[in-house]
Amino acid sequence: TRYIGDWSSDVCSSDLDIVFVDPPFADGLLVPACESLNRNQWLASSALVYLEWSARAPIQALPAGWDLTREKKAGEVRYGLVRVDAETAGGV
C-alpha cells in the first residue's frame, strides 16, 4: 500500500472503476487522496470510491462531481460509497 500522492502517472493508469481510500485518520489524507485521483484523471466515468474516515468527525468536503451515495458507522470508523461523475470531477 502506498500513499496515492506518491504515485506517478506511470504507476497508475486511468479508467479505474473502483478505488478504496482508507488513509490514517489523524494524517488528514482523505481529501488530498481524492483530489489526487481527480487531478491525475485516474477514474473511469461513473467510478465508485469506497472511503473510510474517523467516526468522530464529519466527512470533509469532497471534490466536485463526487456524490456520497451511502454512509454508515461501525465503532470508531465511518465509511461510505461515492459515485464519481468523471466529467464533472475533471476527468474524462
N, C-alpha and C. Protein backbone atom coordinates (compact mmCIF):
# COMPACT_ATOMS: atom_id res chain seq x y z
N THR A 1 0.85 -1.17 0.00
CA THR A 1 0.00 0.00 0.00
C THR A 1 0.89 1.23 0.00
N ARG A 2 0.54 2.18 -0.86
CA ARG A 2 1.30 3.43 -0.94
C ARG A 2 0.34 4.60 -0.93
N TYR A 3 0.85 5.74 -0.46
CA TYR A 3 0.07 6.97 -0.50
C TYR A 3 -0.08 7.39 -1.95
N ILE A 4 -1.29 7.66 -2.36
CA ILE A 4 -1.57 7.96 -3.75
C ILE A 4 -0.83 9.21 -4.23
N GLY A 5 -0.54 10.14 -3.32
CA GLY A 5 0.19 11.34 -3.70
C GLY A 5 1.60 11.05 -4.17
N ASP A 6 2.12 9.88 -3.82
CA ASP A 6 3.47 9.49 -4.24
C ASP A 6 3.49 8.79 -5.59
N TRP A 7 2.33 8.45 -6.11
CA TRP A 7 2.27 7.72 -7.38
C TRP A 7 2.56 8.67 -8.53
N SER A 8 3.11 8.13 -9.59
CA SER A 8 3.27 8.91 -10.81
C SER A 8 2.28 8.37 -11.83
N SER A 9 2.10 9.07 -12.90
CA SER A 9 1.18 8.60 -13.93
C SER A 9 1.65 7.29 -14.55
N ASP A 10 2.93 6.96 -14.39
CA ASP A 10 3.44 5.68 -14.90
C ASP A 10 2.99 4.50 -14.04
N VAL A 11 2.68 4.76 -12.77
CA VAL A 11 2.31 3.70 -11.85
C VAL A 11 0.84 3.32 -12.00
N CYS A 12 0.02 4.29 -12.28
CA CYS A 12 -1.43 4.08 -12.31
C CYS A 12 -1.99 4.52 -13.64
N SER A 13 -2.82 3.69 -14.22
CA SER A 13 -3.46 4.08 -15.47
C SER A 13 -4.80 4.74 -15.16
N SER A 14 -5.39 5.32 -16.17
CA SER A 14 -6.71 5.91 -15.99
C SER A 14 -7.77 4.83 -16.08
N ASP A 15 -8.99 5.22 -15.94
CA ASP A 15 -10.13 4.31 -16.07
C ASP A 15 -10.25 3.30 -14.94
N LEU A 16 -9.90 3.70 -13.72
CA LEU A 16 -10.12 2.83 -12.57
C LEU A 16 -11.62 2.82 -12.26
N ASP A 17 -12.20 1.65 -12.15
CA ASP A 17 -13.64 1.52 -11.89
C ASP A 17 -13.99 1.62 -10.41
N ILE A 18 -13.10 1.10 -9.57
CA ILE A 18 -13.34 1.14 -8.13
C ILE A 18 -12.01 1.39 -7.41
N VAL A 19 -12.08 2.23 -6.37
CA VAL A 19 -10.89 2.60 -5.61
C VAL A 19 -11.27 2.55 -4.12
N PHE A 20 -10.36 2.05 -3.30
CA PHE A 20 -10.54 2.01 -1.86
C PHE A 20 -9.58 3.02 -1.24
N VAL A 21 -10.14 3.98 -0.47
CA VAL A 21 -9.32 5.01 0.17
C VAL A 21 -9.52 4.90 1.68
N ASP A 22 -8.49 4.47 2.36
CA ASP A 22 -8.54 4.25 3.80
C ASP A 22 -7.25 4.79 4.44
N PRO A 23 -7.08 6.11 4.44
CA PRO A 23 -5.84 6.69 4.97
C PRO A 23 -5.85 6.72 6.50
N PRO A 24 -4.67 6.88 7.11
CA PRO A 24 -4.63 7.07 8.57
C PRO A 24 -5.45 8.32 8.93
N PHE A 25 -6.41 8.16 9.81
CA PHE A 25 -7.35 9.26 10.09
C PHE A 25 -6.67 10.54 10.57
N ALA A 26 -5.70 10.42 11.43
CA ALA A 26 -5.06 11.60 12.04
C ALA A 26 -4.20 12.38 11.06
N ASP A 27 -3.87 11.80 9.91
CA ASP A 27 -2.97 12.47 8.97
C ASP A 27 -3.67 13.41 7.99
N GLY A 28 -4.99 13.42 7.98
CA GLY A 28 -5.72 14.33 7.11
C GLY A 28 -5.50 14.07 5.63
N LEU A 29 -5.38 12.82 5.23
CA LEU A 29 -5.06 12.48 3.85
C LEU A 29 -6.26 12.12 2.97
N LEU A 30 -7.45 12.06 3.56
CA LEU A 30 -8.61 11.64 2.78
C LEU A 30 -8.87 12.56 1.58
N VAL A 31 -9.04 13.84 1.84
CA VAL A 31 -9.34 14.78 0.76
C VAL A 31 -8.16 14.91 -0.22
N PRO A 32 -6.90 15.02 0.25
CA PRO A 32 -5.80 15.06 -0.72
C PRO A 32 -5.74 13.83 -1.62
N ALA A 33 -6.05 12.66 -1.08
CA ALA A 33 -6.06 11.45 -1.91
C ALA A 33 -7.15 11.53 -2.97
N CYS A 34 -8.32 12.00 -2.58
CA CYS A 34 -9.43 12.15 -3.54
C CYS A 34 -9.08 13.18 -4.61
N GLU A 35 -8.49 14.29 -4.19
CA GLU A 35 -8.10 15.33 -5.14
C GLU A 35 -7.04 14.81 -6.11
N SER A 36 -6.14 13.96 -5.62
CA SER A 36 -5.11 13.38 -6.47
C SER A 36 -5.73 12.47 -7.53
N LEU A 37 -6.74 11.70 -7.15
CA LEU A 37 -7.44 10.86 -8.13
C LEU A 37 -8.02 11.72 -9.25
N ASN A 38 -8.60 12.86 -8.88
CA ASN A 38 -9.15 13.78 -9.89
C ASN A 38 -8.06 14.42 -10.74
N ARG A 39 -7.08 14.99 -10.07
CA ARG A 39 -6.03 15.74 -10.76
C ARG A 39 -5.31 14.88 -11.80
N ASN A 40 -5.10 13.62 -11.47
CA ASN A 40 -4.40 12.72 -12.38
C ASN A 40 -5.33 12.00 -13.36
N GLN A 41 -6.62 12.27 -13.23
CA GLN A 41 -7.63 11.69 -14.14
C GLN A 41 -7.52 10.17 -14.20
N TRP A 42 -7.45 9.55 -13.02
CA TRP A 42 -7.32 8.10 -12.96
C TRP A 42 -8.65 7.37 -12.90
N LEU A 43 -9.76 8.08 -12.75
CA LEU A 43 -11.05 7.43 -12.56
C LEU A 43 -11.83 7.29 -13.86
N ALA A 44 -12.46 6.14 -14.01
CA ALA A 44 -13.38 5.93 -15.14
C ALA A 44 -14.63 6.77 -14.89
N SER A 45 -15.38 7.04 -15.94
CA SER A 45 -16.64 7.73 -15.73
C SER A 45 -17.53 6.80 -14.90
N SER A 46 -18.24 7.36 -13.96
CA SER A 46 -19.10 6.60 -13.03
C SER A 46 -18.30 5.64 -12.15
N ALA A 47 -17.08 6.00 -11.79
CA ALA A 47 -16.27 5.19 -10.88
C ALA A 47 -16.90 5.17 -9.49
N LEU A 48 -16.61 4.14 -8.74
CA LEU A 48 -17.03 4.04 -7.34
C LEU A 48 -15.79 4.14 -6.46
N VAL A 49 -15.90 4.92 -5.39
CA VAL A 49 -14.80 5.08 -4.46
C VAL A 49 -15.32 4.79 -3.05
N TYR A 50 -14.70 3.81 -2.40
CA TYR A 50 -15.03 3.47 -1.02
C TYR A 50 -14.10 4.27 -0.12
N LEU A 51 -14.68 5.00 0.84
CA LEU A 51 -13.89 5.85 1.73
C LEU A 51 -14.09 5.44 3.18
N GLU A 52 -13.06 5.59 3.99
CA GLU A 52 -13.16 5.45 5.43
C GLU A 52 -12.57 6.68 6.09
N TRP A 53 -13.22 7.12 7.20
CA TRP A 53 -12.72 8.25 7.97
C TRP A 53 -13.16 8.07 9.42
N SER A 54 -12.66 8.90 10.29
CA SER A 54 -12.96 8.79 11.72
C SER A 54 -14.44 9.05 11.98
N ALA A 55 -15.03 8.23 12.83
CA ALA A 55 -16.43 8.43 13.20
C ALA A 55 -16.59 9.65 14.10
N ARG A 56 -15.48 10.18 14.59
CA ARG A 56 -15.52 11.35 15.48
C ARG A 56 -15.67 12.67 14.74
N ALA A 57 -15.58 12.62 13.42
CA ALA A 57 -15.66 13.86 12.64
C ALA A 57 -16.51 13.63 11.39
N PRO A 58 -17.19 14.68 10.93
CA PRO A 58 -17.94 14.54 9.68
C PRO A 58 -16.97 14.41 8.51
N ILE A 59 -17.45 13.89 7.42
CA ILE A 59 -16.61 13.79 6.23
C ILE A 59 -16.25 15.19 5.78
N GLN A 60 -15.03 15.36 5.31
CA GLN A 60 -14.59 16.65 4.81
C GLN A 60 -15.18 16.87 3.42
N ALA A 61 -15.09 18.08 2.93
CA ALA A 61 -15.63 18.41 1.61
C ALA A 61 -14.95 17.56 0.54
N LEU A 62 -15.76 16.90 -0.26
CA LEU A 62 -15.24 16.08 -1.35
C LEU A 62 -15.16 16.92 -2.62
N PRO A 63 -14.35 16.49 -3.58
CA PRO A 63 -14.24 17.24 -4.84
C PRO A 63 -15.58 17.33 -5.58
N ALA A 64 -15.68 18.30 -6.45
CA ALA A 64 -16.87 18.45 -7.30
C ALA A 64 -17.08 17.17 -8.10
N GLY A 65 -18.34 16.79 -8.25
CA GLY A 65 -18.66 15.59 -9.02
C GLY A 65 -18.61 14.31 -8.20
N TRP A 66 -18.31 14.41 -6.90
CA TRP A 66 -18.26 13.25 -6.01
C TRP A 66 -19.53 13.24 -5.18
N ASP A 67 -20.35 12.20 -5.34
CA ASP A 67 -21.64 12.11 -4.66
C ASP A 67 -21.59 10.96 -3.65
N LEU A 68 -21.64 11.31 -2.36
CA LEU A 68 -21.65 10.30 -1.30
C LEU A 68 -23.03 9.65 -1.31
N THR A 69 -23.11 8.43 -1.83
CA THR A 69 -24.40 7.77 -2.00
C THR A 69 -24.82 6.92 -0.81
N ARG A 70 -23.83 6.44 -0.04
CA ARG A 70 -24.11 5.65 1.16
C ARG A 70 -23.10 6.00 2.23
N GLU A 71 -23.58 5.97 3.47
CA GLU A 71 -22.69 6.27 4.59
C GLU A 71 -23.17 5.50 5.81
N LYS A 72 -22.24 4.87 6.52
CA LYS A 72 -22.57 4.12 7.74
C LYS A 72 -21.44 4.27 8.74
N LYS A 73 -21.71 3.80 9.95
CA LYS A 73 -20.73 3.88 11.03
C LYS A 73 -20.59 2.50 11.67
N ALA A 74 -19.36 2.13 11.99
CA ALA A 74 -19.07 0.89 12.71
C ALA A 74 -17.98 1.20 13.74
N GLY A 75 -18.36 1.30 14.98
CA GLY A 75 -17.39 1.62 16.03
C GLY A 75 -16.78 2.99 15.82
N GLU A 76 -15.47 3.05 15.70
CA GLU A 76 -14.76 4.31 15.53
C GLU A 76 -14.58 4.72 14.07
N VAL A 77 -15.17 3.94 13.16
CA VAL A 77 -14.99 4.19 11.73
C VAL A 77 -16.32 4.56 11.07
N ARG A 78 -16.25 5.57 10.25
CA ARG A 78 -17.37 5.91 9.38
C ARG A 78 -16.90 5.57 7.97
N TYR A 79 -17.79 5.03 7.17
CA TYR A 79 -17.41 4.63 5.81
C TYR A 79 -18.53 4.96 4.85
N GLY A 80 -18.17 5.12 3.59
CA GLY A 80 -19.16 5.48 2.61
C GLY A 80 -18.74 5.09 1.21
N LEU A 81 -19.73 5.12 0.35
CA LEU A 81 -19.52 4.82 -1.06
C LEU A 81 -19.84 6.06 -1.87
N VAL A 82 -18.89 6.44 -2.69
CA VAL A 82 -19.03 7.64 -3.53
C VAL A 82 -19.11 7.22 -4.98
N ARG A 83 -20.04 7.81 -5.69
CA ARG A 83 -20.11 7.65 -7.14
C ARG A 83 -19.51 8.93 -7.73
N VAL A 84 -18.54 8.76 -8.60
CA VAL A 84 -17.84 9.90 -9.18
C VAL A 84 -18.28 10.10 -10.62
N ASP A 85 -18.74 11.30 -10.92
CA ASP A 85 -19.04 11.68 -12.29
C ASP A 85 -17.75 12.29 -12.83
N ALA A 86 -16.98 11.51 -13.58
CA ALA A 86 -15.63 11.93 -14.02
C ALA A 86 -15.67 13.22 -14.84
N GLU A 87 -16.72 13.42 -15.61
CA GLU A 87 -16.79 14.65 -16.41
C GLU A 87 -16.91 15.88 -15.52
N THR A 88 -17.77 15.82 -14.51
CA THR A 88 -17.93 16.93 -13.56
C THR A 88 -16.69 17.07 -12.70
N ALA A 89 -16.07 15.93 -12.36
CA ALA A 89 -14.91 15.92 -11.47
C ALA A 89 -13.62 16.35 -12.15
N GLY A 90 -13.66 16.51 -13.45
CA GLY A 90 -12.46 16.98 -14.14
C GLY A 90 -11.73 15.90 -14.91
N GLY A 91 -12.28 14.71 -14.96
CA GLY A 91 -11.67 13.63 -15.71
C GLY A 91 -12.26 13.51 -17.09
N VAL A 92 -12.14 12.37 -17.67
CA VAL A 92 -12.65 12.00 -18.99
C VAL A 92 -12.88 13.18 -19.90
